[in-house]
Amino acid sequence: MFQVLSKLNGMELFRNNSGAPDVGSPGTMRPLYWMLVLLSLAPTALVLPMAPTKIGIAILAGWIVLIWIAISFARGQFHYVVPLWVAVYPYCYYFFTFPKERSIFTVDRAFIVLLVIEMLVVSRQAFAPPLTRDVRISAYFWCLYLLVCFFSLAGHAPSEALPFYRLLVEGMLMPALLGLYAMRYFPLLKDLQKLHVGACLLGLGLCITGLIELTTEIDLFPWNESEPMFTDTHLRRADGPFEQQVVLSMVAILAFFFIVYLRRLMPPGISLRQALLHKAGAVAAFTAALIPLNRGLVFALVPIAIIDSGSRYRLISRRTWATLFAMILVAAVAAKLLDPRLYDDRVSSPDNVYQRVAQHMETLRVVHEYPFLGVGFGLYHDVASRNPRYMARWKGIESMNYPHNVLMTVLSEEGIVGLLFYVAAQVFLVRAMWRIRKAYPPGWLAFLYCFLVYVLIGLDYGTVYFSDINLFYLFILGVLYQLQIRMAHEQEFVPSPPTR
């Protein structure tokens, strides 16, 4: 595998830093640096004497960041921000959102805007891997789905629909733009090891924060209008730097498969420090995924383990899979012996299943009245809670007024039309990767496992609009696609061995 990557790096087709724009010599850039430094003195001289201390420091820090971004663009090195974003993006929601309520500035918004500028710059100066026909069709269906989402909100008052327009942009449009950047413009071959480090740091950070919340019952990142969740035995269900527990579980397990995949692309003989970081990052990411006590994750891992164990090009050894599930089994048995109420709450109790059934009954009642375009993007709870006749029961358990399922969410809020476009976009994306699976089979398996995690957990929990999941998920899929299409293209130029 490493030899294939070396060929890709050496090919004339993928030169010019594998997608990074070519910039001038250091001598030609030096006057620009001095100009930016001199410009940075202006706000320092004007702001610090006049503004309060905290505001002055914040403005100065923001100005320094802008100067650094300008220099990065000028040198064609803004792509180095991407591995850094992977490592720290979960914490930016809490620390760098302004204002806290109805935020105007978030790191993700600024990041995507800058990446759009980067794409415009790079598209004029460097080669970008092509999008296959199936990927283009998937993108067209996704655009149609977004149009349906916008139209579903058009009939509602702007004051009522404005928060959901924001949710639509952040949860559905921005991740698609990030995925496009990862597919075509991110210099993956150049930043491979940095990306691996960023993913490992992400896993370590999620594990540490999750364990602290689990053991101390302290909410490290308290969100507005969000309360910590506990089991029936008052055990804290950690959510780490995110707003909900399912997000920690999904992002961590996606990081786990991403770390394992990136290690397969690296040379076998890495340094001891890199090897230790890889093992620590992978173990930490998997542990962080289990900390929220999410049953849907275990159900998703079962078919993945079966597929991987039977695969010729498996990402994870059978011994490792056996060890992981043995640990889960031991934890379940220990919970049953030491804390039967916890075991009943998270394993054996059928109440959650009954509640899901009741909720699906309620959702279908809503769909019956709004079949084609749904109730409106993100508006299901408002519509269902206002009309008590939608309420449903199953074996004494009431519905929740939330769809709690990705497909049911799309069907009820964007209708049959939106569901068709949404599913078609997923189908053609999977089809595109399936057609180039032979270029590098472990890459196809990594894509399949991430897709199954997203879909199967989404069938248990309505995660379709979560921007913190969608951004990371589509970035990973974009990286996987880029390398698969590069390898498929490179293999077209490799002459077949002569036959005797």
Protein backbone atom coordinates (compact mmCIF):
# COMPACT_ATOMS: atom_id res chain seq x y z
CA MET A 1 0.00 0.00 0.00
CA PHE A 2 2.77 2.44 0.90
CA GLN A 3 4.42 1.77 -2.46
CA VAL A 4 1.17 2.74 -4.20
CA LEU A 5 1.03 6.01 -2.27
CA SER A 6 4.65 6.69 -3.16
CA LYS A 7 3.77 6.25 -6.83
CA LEU A 8 0.86 8.64 -6.44
CA ASN A 9 3.12 11.25 -4.89
CA GLY A 10 5.63 10.84 -7.68
CA MET A 11 3.21 10.99 -10.59
CA GLU A 12 3.31 14.08 -12.75
CA LEU A 13 -0.46 14.15 -12.62
CA PHE A 14 -0.49 14.67 -8.86
CA ARG A 15 2.43 17.00 -8.43
CA ASN A 16 2.14 20.58 -7.25
CA ASN A 17 1.73 19.42 -3.63
CA SER A 18 -1.18 17.12 -4.48
CA GLY A 19 -3.65 19.89 -4.72
CA ALA A 20 -1.98 22.74 -2.87
CA PRO A 21 -1.47 25.83 -4.99
CA ASP A 22 1.99 26.78 -6.09
CA VAL A 23 3.23 29.98 -4.51
CA GLY A 24 6.11 32.27 -5.11
CA SER A 25 9.59 32.06 -3.64
CA PRO A 26 10.25 33.19 -0.06
CA GLY A 27 11.93 36.32 -1.38
CA THR A 28 8.82 37.44 -3.24
CA MET A 29 6.60 36.71 -0.22
CA ARG A 30 8.73 38.62 2.33
CA PRO A 31 7.34 42.10 1.46
CA LEU A 32 3.82 40.76 1.94
CA TYR A 33 4.70 39.47 5.41
CA TRP A 34 6.13 42.82 6.44
CA MET A 35 3.04 44.60 5.14
CA LEU A 36 0.78 42.30 7.17
CA VAL A 37 2.91 42.81 10.28
CA LEU A 38 2.71 46.58 9.90
CA LEU A 39 -1.05 46.39 9.40
CA SER A 40 -1.34 44.36 12.60
CA LEU A 41 0.17 47.29 14.55
CA ALA A 42 -2.81 49.51 13.67
CA PRO A 43 -5.46 47.70 15.74
CA THR A 44 -2.93 47.20 18.52
CA ALA A 45 -2.34 50.95 18.78
CA LEU A 46 -6.02 51.89 18.43
CA VAL A 47 -7.91 49.19 20.28
CA LEU A 48 -5.87 48.45 23.39
CA PRO A 49 -5.91 52.00 24.85
CA MET A 50 -9.64 52.49 24.21
CA ALA A 51 -11.33 49.11 24.78
CA PRO A 52 -11.88 47.24 28.04
CA THR A 53 -9.20 44.67 28.76
CA LYS A 54 -11.17 41.53 27.85
CA ILE A 55 -12.64 43.02 24.69
CA GLY A 56 -9.27 44.41 23.64
CA ILE A 57 -7.55 41.06 24.11
CA ALA A 58 -10.33 39.31 22.18
CA ILE A 59 -10.12 41.77 19.28
CA LEU A 60 -6.35 41.55 19.20
CA ALA A 61 -6.46 37.75 19.23
CA GLY A 62 -9.00 37.76 16.41
CA TRP A 63 -6.86 40.15 14.39
CA ILE A 64 -3.79 37.96 14.85
CA VAL A 65 -5.79 34.97 13.65
CA LEU A 66 -6.91 36.90 10.57
CA ILE A 67 -3.32 37.87 9.82
CA TRP A 68 -2.23 34.26 10.20
CA ILE A 69 -5.02 33.11 7.87
CA ALA A 70 -4.03 35.73 5.29
CA ILE A 71 -0.41 34.53 5.39
CA SER A 72 -1.57 30.90 5.09
CA PHE A 73 -3.63 31.75 2.00
CA ALA A 74 -0.73 33.70 0.52
CA ARG A 75 1.64 30.77 1.00
CA GLY A 76 -0.91 28.16 -0.12
CA GLN A 77 -0.77 26.42 3.26
CA PHE A 78 -4.28 26.87 4.59
CA HIS A 79 -4.85 23.13 4.22
CA TYR A 80 -2.72 22.65 7.34
CA VAL A 81 -5.67 23.99 9.30
CA VAL A 82 -7.73 20.91 8.42
CA PRO A 83 -5.88 18.37 10.65
CA LEU A 84 -5.98 20.95 13.43
CA TRP A 85 -9.74 21.33 12.98
CA VAL A 86 -10.16 17.55 13.16
CA ALA A 87 -8.34 17.48 16.51
CA VAL A 88 -10.15 20.35 18.24
CA TYR A 89 -13.46 21.06 16.49
CA PRO A 90 -15.72 19.55 19.22
CA TYR A 91 -14.42 22.05 21.80
CA CYS A 92 -14.92 25.09 19.57
CA TYR A 93 -18.70 24.89 19.95
CA TYR A 94 -18.44 25.69 23.66
CA PHE A 95 -15.44 28.02 23.79
CA PHE A 96 -15.61 29.95 20.50
CA THR A 97 -19.30 30.53 19.83
CA PHE A 98 -20.47 34.14 20.03
CA PRO A 99 -22.97 34.97 21.31
CA LYS A 100 -23.87 31.79 23.18
CA GLU A 101 -27.57 32.17 22.36
CA ARG A 102 -28.42 32.53 18.67
CA SER A 103 -24.77 32.55 17.73
CA ILE A 104 -23.48 34.76 14.94
CA PHE A 105 -19.89 33.52 14.88
CA THR A 106 -18.87 29.88 15.14
CA VAL A 107 -15.60 28.26 14.18
CA ASP A 108 -17.38 25.85 11.82
CA ARG A 109 -19.01 28.69 9.87
CA ALA A 110 -15.74 30.56 9.54
CA PHE A 111 -13.92 27.32 8.65
CA ILE A 112 -16.33 26.41 5.84
CA VAL A 113 -16.30 29.95 4.41
CA LEU A 114 -12.51 29.88 4.30
CA LEU A 115 -12.53 26.43 2.70
CA VAL A 116 -14.88 27.70 -0.01
CA ILE A 117 -12.36 30.46 -0.72
CA GLU A 118 -9.58 27.86 -0.70
CA MET A 119 -11.51 25.73 -3.21
CA LEU A 120 -11.90 28.72 -5.53
CA VAL A 121 -8.17 29.41 -5.31
CA VAL A 122 -7.01 25.81 -5.67
CA SER A 123 -9.41 25.02 -8.52
CA ARG A 124 -7.57 27.59 -10.67
CA GLN A 125 -4.04 26.50 -9.81
CA ALA A 126 -3.94 22.75 -9.27
CA PHE A 127 -5.33 19.46 -10.49
CA ALA A 128 -8.36 18.14 -8.63
CA PRO A 129 -9.42 14.48 -8.71
CA PRO A 130 -12.51 14.08 -10.90
CA LEU A 131 -15.96 13.31 -9.56
CA THR A 132 -17.39 10.14 -11.04
CA ARG A 133 -20.80 10.10 -12.67
CA ASP A 134 -22.42 8.44 -9.65
CA VAL A 135 -20.99 11.03 -7.26
CA ARG A 136 -22.28 13.84 -9.45
CA ILE A 137 -25.74 12.25 -9.54
CA SER A 138 -25.59 11.90 -5.74
CA ALA A 139 -24.73 15.60 -5.47
CA TYR A 140 -27.64 16.54 -7.76
CA PHE A 141 -30.07 14.55 -5.62
CA TRP A 142 -28.64 16.16 -2.49
CA CYS A 143 -29.18 19.62 -3.99
CA LEU A 144 -32.77 18.67 -4.81
CA TYR A 145 -33.23 17.45 -1.25
CA LEU A 146 -31.94 20.77 0.08
CA LEU A 147 -34.38 22.62 -2.18
CA VAL A 148 -37.23 20.54 -0.79
CA CYS A 149 -36.07 21.42 2.73
CA PHE A 150 -36.10 25.13 1.88
CA PHE A 151 -39.52 24.89 0.23
CA SER A 152 -40.91 23.01 3.24
CA LEU A 153 -40.13 26.09 5.35
CA ALA A 154 -41.40 28.64 2.84
CA GLY A 155 -44.98 28.56 4.10
CA HIS A 156 -44.06 29.33 7.71
CA ALA A 157 -43.56 32.71 9.33
CA PRO A 158 -39.94 33.93 9.17
CA SER A 159 -39.79 34.34 12.96
CA GLU A 160 -40.80 30.68 13.37
CA ALA A 161 -38.64 29.27 10.57
CA LEU A 162 -35.43 31.31 11.01
CA PRO A 163 -33.76 28.93 13.51
CA PHE A 164 -34.47 26.03 11.17
CA TYR A 165 -32.98 27.82 8.18
CA ARG A 166 -29.84 28.14 10.28
CA LEU A 167 -30.04 24.44 11.17
CA LEU A 168 -30.45 23.57 7.49
CA VAL A 169 -27.36 25.53 6.47
CA GLU A 170 -25.18 24.23 9.32
CA GLY A 171 -26.41 20.64 9.42
CA MET A 172 -26.94 19.85 5.73
CA LEU A 173 -25.26 22.41 3.44
CA MET A 174 -21.97 23.04 5.27
CA PRO A 175 -21.12 19.32 5.64
CA ALA A 176 -21.70 18.84 1.91
CA LEU A 177 -19.24 21.65 1.13
CA LEU A 178 -16.67 20.13 3.47
CA GLY A 179 -17.17 16.75 1.82
CA LEU A 180 -16.58 18.31 -1.61
CA TYR A 181 -13.37 19.92 -0.38
CA ALA A 182 -12.15 16.59 1.02
CA MET A 183 -13.01 14.80 -2.22
CA ARG A 184 -11.28 17.16 -4.63
CA TYR A 185 -9.07 19.80 -3.07
CA PHE A 186 -7.61 18.60 0.22
CA PRO A 187 -3.94 17.55 -0.35
CA LEU A 188 -4.41 14.21 1.36
CA LEU A 189 -1.10 12.63 0.36
CA LYS A 190 0.84 15.55 1.76
CA ASP A 191 -1.11 15.84 5.02
CA LEU A 192 -1.67 12.13 5.65
CA GLN A 193 0.42 11.83 8.81
CA LYS A 194 -0.82 15.17 10.17
CA LEU A 195 -4.37 13.99 9.64
CA HIS A 196 -3.59 10.78 11.51
CA VAL A 197 -2.19 12.78 14.43
CA GLY A 198 -5.27 15.01 14.45
CA ALA A 199 -7.63 12.01 14.49
CA CYS A 200 -5.65 10.38 17.34
CA LEU A 201 -5.77 13.60 19.38
CA LEU A 202 -9.50 13.79 18.74
CA GLY A 203 -9.98 10.27 20.12
CA LEU A 204 -7.81 10.99 23.17
CA GLY A 205 -9.64 14.22 23.95
CA LEU A 206 -13.09 12.63 23.66
CA CYS A 207 -12.06 9.74 25.88
CA ILE A 208 -10.58 11.97 28.60
CA THR A 209 -13.55 14.33 28.76
CA GLY A 210 -16.00 11.44 28.66
CA LEU A 211 -14.28 9.58 31.49
CA ILE A 212 -14.14 12.72 33.64
CA GLU A 213 -17.87 13.30 33.18
CA LEU A 214 -18.68 9.63 33.81
CA THR A 215 -16.67 9.35 37.03
CA THR A 216 -17.24 12.80 38.54
CA GLU A 217 -20.78 13.48 37.22
CA ILE A 218 -19.57 16.98 36.32
CA ASP A 219 -20.81 18.55 33.10
CA LEU A 220 -17.56 19.93 31.68
CA PHE A 221 -19.29 21.71 28.82
CA PRO A 222 -22.74 22.85 29.98
CA TRP A 223 -24.95 23.85 27.05
CA ASN A 224 -27.82 26.28 27.14
CA GLU A 225 -31.20 24.55 27.51
CA SER A 226 -29.45 21.17 27.80
CA GLU A 227 -29.46 19.04 30.93
CA PRO A 228 -27.16 16.09 31.69
CA MET A 229 -28.73 12.68 31.14
CA PHE A 230 -28.61 9.94 33.77
CA THR A 231 -29.59 6.27 33.85
CA ASP A 232 -32.26 4.98 36.23
CA THR A 233 -29.46 4.36 38.73
CA HIS A 234 -28.30 8.00 38.48
CA LEU A 235 -25.17 7.10 36.51
CA ARG A 236 -24.04 10.05 34.39
CA ARG A 237 -24.26 9.41 30.64
CA ALA A 238 -21.31 11.41 29.37
CA ASP A 239 -21.63 13.64 26.32
CA GLY A 240 -18.10 15.11 26.35
CA PRO A 241 -17.82 18.43 24.49
CA PHE A 242 -21.08 17.80 22.62
CA GLU A 243 -24.67 18.62 23.43
CA GLN A 244 -25.97 15.03 23.29
CA GLN A 245 -24.62 11.61 24.21
CA VAL A 246 -25.26 10.04 20.82
CA VAL A 247 -22.96 12.60 19.18
CA LEU A 248 -20.04 11.58 21.39
CA SER A 249 -20.66 7.95 20.58
CA MET A 250 -20.90 8.44 16.82
CA VAL A 251 -18.01 10.87 16.41
CA ALA A 252 -15.76 8.64 18.53
CA ILE A 253 -16.52 5.44 16.61
CA LEU A 254 -16.07 7.26 13.29
CA ALA A 255 -12.72 8.52 14.59
CA PHE A 256 -11.80 4.93 15.53
CA PHE A 257 -12.33 3.58 12.01
CA PHE A 258 -10.65 6.65 10.52
CA ILE A 259 -7.54 6.17 12.69
CA VAL A 260 -7.31 2.50 11.76
CA TYR A 261 -7.72 3.32 8.06
CA LEU A 262 -5.11 6.10 8.06
CA ARG A 263 -2.60 3.79 9.75
CA ARG A 264 -3.01 1.34 6.86
CA LEU A 265 -1.88 4.08 4.48
CA MET A 266 1.28 4.89 6.41
CA PRO A 267 4.61 3.06 5.99
CA PRO A 268 5.04 -0.06 8.18
CA GLY A 269 8.16 1.26 9.91
CA ILE A 270 6.93 4.30 11.81
CA SER A 271 8.62 5.75 14.87
CA LEU A 272 7.90 4.49 18.37
CA ARG A 273 6.19 7.79 19.21
CA GLN A 274 3.86 7.49 16.22
CA ALA A 275 3.07 3.87 17.04
CA LEU A 276 2.21 4.69 20.65
CA LEU A 277 0.07 7.65 19.57
CA HIS A 278 -1.79 5.43 17.09
CA LYS A 279 -2.54 2.72 19.64
CA ALA A 280 -3.53 5.24 22.31
CA GLY A 281 -5.74 7.16 19.87
CA ALA A 282 -7.51 4.03 18.56
CA VAL A 283 -8.15 2.60 22.05
CA ALA A 284 -9.26 5.99 23.37
CA ALA A 285 -11.66 6.56 20.45
CA PHE A 286 -13.28 3.14 20.90
CA THR A 287 -13.56 3.66 24.65
CA ALA A 288 -15.10 7.10 24.15
CA ALA A 289 -17.70 5.56 21.83
CA LEU A 290 -18.80 3.15 24.58
CA ILE A 291 -18.83 5.65 27.45
CA PRO A 292 -22.32 7.09 26.68
CA LEU A 293 -23.82 3.57 27.11
CA ASN A 294 -25.42 3.73 23.67
CA ARG A 295 -27.06 0.40 22.79
CA GLY A 296 -27.46 1.40 19.17
CA LEU A 297 -23.67 1.43 18.81
CA VAL A 298 -23.39 -2.22 19.85
CA PHE A 299 -26.11 -3.20 17.37
CA ALA A 300 -24.22 -1.33 14.64
CA LEU A 301 -20.89 -2.97 15.48
CA VAL A 302 -22.24 -6.53 15.23
CA PRO A 303 -22.76 -6.58 11.41
CA ILE A 304 -19.55 -4.59 10.93
CA ALA A 305 -17.57 -7.19 12.91
CA ILE A 306 -19.17 -10.02 10.92
CA ILE A 307 -18.33 -8.37 7.58
CA ASP A 308 -14.80 -7.50 8.63
CA SER A 309 -14.02 -10.92 10.09
CA GLY A 310 -15.10 -12.60 6.87
CA SER A 311 -13.26 -10.17 4.62
CA ARG A 312 -9.99 -10.92 2.91
CA TYR A 313 -8.80 -7.34 3.42
CA ARG A 314 -10.14 -6.75 6.93
CA LEU A 315 -9.25 -3.54 8.71
CA ILE A 316 -9.22 -5.10 12.18
CA SER A 317 -7.97 -8.55 13.09
CA ARG A 318 -10.38 -11.22 14.28
CA ARG A 319 -8.54 -11.38 17.57
CA THR A 320 -9.12 -7.68 18.12
CA TRP A 321 -12.81 -8.01 17.32
CA ALA A 322 -13.09 -10.94 19.73
CA THR A 323 -11.34 -8.91 22.42
CA LEU A 324 -13.60 -5.90 21.92
CA PHE A 325 -16.82 -7.88 22.14
CA ALA A 326 -15.49 -9.89 25.07
CA MET A 327 -14.93 -6.61 26.91
CA ILE A 328 -18.49 -5.50 26.11
CA LEU A 329 -19.85 -8.85 27.30
CA VAL A 330 -17.83 -8.72 30.52
CA ALA A 331 -19.08 -5.19 31.18
CA ALA A 332 -22.70 -6.32 30.64
CA VAL A 333 -22.29 -9.31 32.98
CA ALA A 334 -20.61 -7.13 35.61
CA ALA A 335 -23.46 -4.63 35.40
CA LYS A 336 -26.02 -7.40 35.85
CA LEU A 337 -24.23 -8.73 38.95
CA LEU A 338 -23.22 -5.45 40.55
CA ASP A 339 -26.00 -3.11 39.46
CA PRO A 340 -29.10 -4.98 38.20
CA ARG A 341 -31.06 -1.74 37.75
CA LEU A 342 -28.41 -0.38 35.40
CA TYR A 343 -28.43 -3.65 33.45
CA ASP A 344 -32.22 -3.52 33.21
CA ASP A 345 -32.17 0.12 32.10
CA ARG A 346 -29.51 -0.19 29.38
CA VAL A 347 -29.80 -3.85 28.28
CA SER A 348 -32.88 -5.88 29.13
CA SER A 349 -35.70 -3.37 29.54
CA PRO A 350 -38.12 -3.35 26.57
CA ASP A 351 -39.50 0.09 27.41
CA ASN A 352 -37.25 1.83 24.88
CA VAL A 353 -38.43 -0.54 22.15
CA TYR A 354 -42.06 0.11 23.09
CA GLN A 355 -41.43 3.85 23.03
CA ARG A 356 -39.86 3.62 19.57
CA VAL A 357 -42.89 1.68 18.30
CA ALA A 358 -45.26 4.25 19.79
CA GLN A 359 -43.23 7.05 18.24
CA HIS A 360 -43.31 5.44 14.77
CA MET A 361 -47.09 5.14 15.08
CA GLU A 362 -47.31 8.84 15.92
CA THR A 363 -44.96 9.77 13.06
CA LEU A 364 -47.05 7.85 10.54
CA ARG A 365 -50.14 9.72 11.72
CA VAL A 366 -48.38 12.99 11.00
CA VAL A 367 -47.17 11.73 7.60
CA HIS A 368 -50.74 10.76 6.70
CA GLU A 369 -51.75 14.43 6.96
CA TYR A 370 -48.57 15.90 5.40
CA PRO A 371 -47.57 13.24 2.83
CA PHE A 372 -45.66 15.07 0.10
CA LEU A 373 -43.58 17.92 1.58
CA GLY A 374 -43.97 17.12 5.27
CA VAL A 375 -44.54 19.49 8.16
CA GLY A 376 -41.40 21.51 7.47
CA PHE A 377 -37.71 21.09 8.12
CA GLY A 378 -37.14 20.71 11.88
CA LEU A 379 -40.77 21.51 12.74
CA TYR A 380 -42.03 18.04 13.69
CA HIS A 381 -41.93 18.59 17.46
CA ASP A 382 -43.82 21.88 17.23
CA VAL A 383 -46.55 20.39 15.04
CA ALA A 384 -46.90 17.12 16.98
CA SER A 385 -46.94 18.71 20.43
CA ARG A 386 -49.67 21.18 19.43
CA ASN A 387 -52.10 18.46 18.39
CA PRO A 388 -52.71 15.79 21.06
CA ARG A 389 -54.52 13.49 18.64
CA TYR A 390 -51.15 12.54 17.14
CA MET A 391 -50.09 11.01 20.47
CA ALA A 392 -49.73 7.21 20.37
CA ARG A 393 -49.20 4.48 22.96
CA TRP A 394 -47.72 1.01 22.80
CA LYS A 395 -47.97 -1.33 25.81
CA GLY A 396 -48.54 1.64 28.10
CA ILE A 397 -45.58 3.71 26.80
CA GLU A 398 -46.31 7.08 25.17
CA SER A 399 -44.61 8.51 22.10
CA MET A 400 -42.00 11.27 22.47
CA ASN A 401 -43.07 13.91 19.91
CA TYR A 402 -39.67 13.41 18.24
CA PRO A 403 -39.22 11.05 15.25
CA HIS A 404 -36.12 9.39 16.77
CA ASN A 405 -35.22 7.82 13.42
CA VAL A 406 -33.42 9.33 10.43
CA LEU A 407 -35.79 8.03 7.76
CA MET A 408 -38.88 8.86 9.80
CA THR A 409 -37.49 12.33 10.42
CA VAL A 410 -37.00 13.00 6.72
CA LEU A 411 -40.35 11.44 5.78
CA SER A 412 -42.34 13.45 8.33
CA GLU A 413 -40.57 16.79 7.83
CA GLU A 414 -39.81 16.78 4.08
CA GLY A 415 -42.41 14.26 2.95
CA ILE A 416 -42.21 11.50 0.39
CA VAL A 417 -40.49 13.79 -2.12
CA GLY A 418 -37.73 14.70 0.31
CA LEU A 419 -37.26 11.07 1.39
CA LEU A 420 -36.84 9.93 -2.23
CA PHE A 421 -34.16 12.54 -2.90
CA TYR A 422 -32.42 11.85 0.44
CA VAL A 423 -32.27 8.08 -0.10
CA ALA A 424 -31.25 8.45 -3.76
CA ALA A 425 -28.30 10.64 -2.76
CA GLN A 426 -27.09 7.96 -0.33
CA VAL A 427 -27.61 5.12 -2.82
CA PHE A 428 -25.60 6.76 -5.61
CA LEU A 429 -22.77 7.66 -3.23
CA VAL A 430 -22.51 4.03 -2.08
CA ARG A 431 -22.71 2.92 -5.70
CA ALA A 432 -19.84 5.23 -6.63
CA MET A 433 -17.60 3.75 -3.94
CA TRP A 434 -18.67 0.21 -4.80
CA ARG A 435 -17.56 0.67 -8.40
CA ILE A 436 -14.02 1.64 -7.36
CA ARG A 437 -13.79 -0.73 -4.39
CA LYS A 438 -11.12 -2.88 -6.08
CA ALA A 439 -8.70 0.04 -6.29
CA TYR A 440 -8.03 -0.38 -2.56
CA PRO A 441 -10.38 -2.83 -0.78
CA PRO A 442 -9.59 -1.61 2.79
CA GLY A 443 -10.72 1.85 1.69
CA TRP A 444 -14.05 0.43 0.57
CA LEU A 445 -14.40 -1.39 3.90
CA ALA A 446 -13.64 1.78 5.87
CA PHE A 447 -16.29 3.61 3.84
CA LEU A 448 -18.80 0.80 4.38
CA TYR A 449 -18.23 0.69 8.15
CA CYS A 450 -18.60 4.46 8.53
CA PHE A 451 -21.74 4.36 6.40
CA LEU A 452 -23.22 1.50 8.46
CA VAL A 453 -22.45 3.29 11.72
CA TYR A 454 -24.18 6.43 10.47
CA VAL A 455 -27.22 4.58 9.10
CA LEU A 456 -27.76 1.96 11.80
CA ILE A 457 -27.38 4.35 14.74
CA GLY A 458 -29.52 6.81 12.80
CA LEU A 459 -32.31 4.22 12.70
CA ASP A 460 -32.30 4.27 16.51
CA TYR A 461 -31.78 8.01 16.94
CA GLY A 462 -32.74 10.90 14.64
CA THR A 463 -29.24 12.25 13.95
CA VAL A 464 -29.90 13.47 10.42
CA TYR A 465 -29.53 17.21 11.16
CA PHE A 466 -26.63 17.10 13.65
CA SER A 467 -23.91 19.31 12.17
CA ASP A 468 -21.21 18.06 14.56
CA ILE A 469 -21.76 14.51 13.26
CA ASN A 470 -22.38 15.38 9.62
CA LEU A 471 -19.28 17.56 9.26
CA PHE A 472 -16.91 14.87 10.49
CA TYR A 473 -18.78 12.06 8.71
CA LEU A 474 -18.76 13.68 5.28
CA PHE A 475 -15.17 14.80 5.69
CA ILE A 476 -14.16 11.18 6.30
CA LEU A 477 -16.17 9.97 3.30
CA GLY A 478 -14.57 12.65 1.15
CA VAL A 479 -11.07 11.57 2.18
CA LEU A 480 -11.91 7.92 1.49
CA TYR A 481 -13.31 8.77 -1.94
CA GLN A 482 -10.34 10.91 -2.92
CA LEU A 483 -7.82 8.19 -2.24
CA GLN A 484 -9.94 5.50 -3.90
CA ILE A 485 -10.35 7.53 -7.09
CA ARG A 486 -6.65 8.45 -7.13
CA MET A 487 -5.67 4.80 -6.84
CA ALA A 488 -8.18 3.76 -9.47
CA HIS A 489 -6.80 6.43 -11.81
CA GLU A 490 -3.20 5.44 -11.10
CA GLN A 491 -3.94 1.77 -11.79
CA GLU A 492 -5.23 2.70 -15.23
CA PHE A 493 -1.69 3.85 -16.15
CA VAL A 494 0.05 0.78 -14.74
CA PRO A 495 0.78 -1.61 -17.62
CA SER A 496 -0.47 -5.13 -17.08
CA PRO A 497 2.22 -7.85 -16.84
CA PRO A 498 3.02 -9.63 -20.10
CA THR A 499 1.32 -12.97 -20.59
CA ARG A 500 3.25 -16.03 -21.66
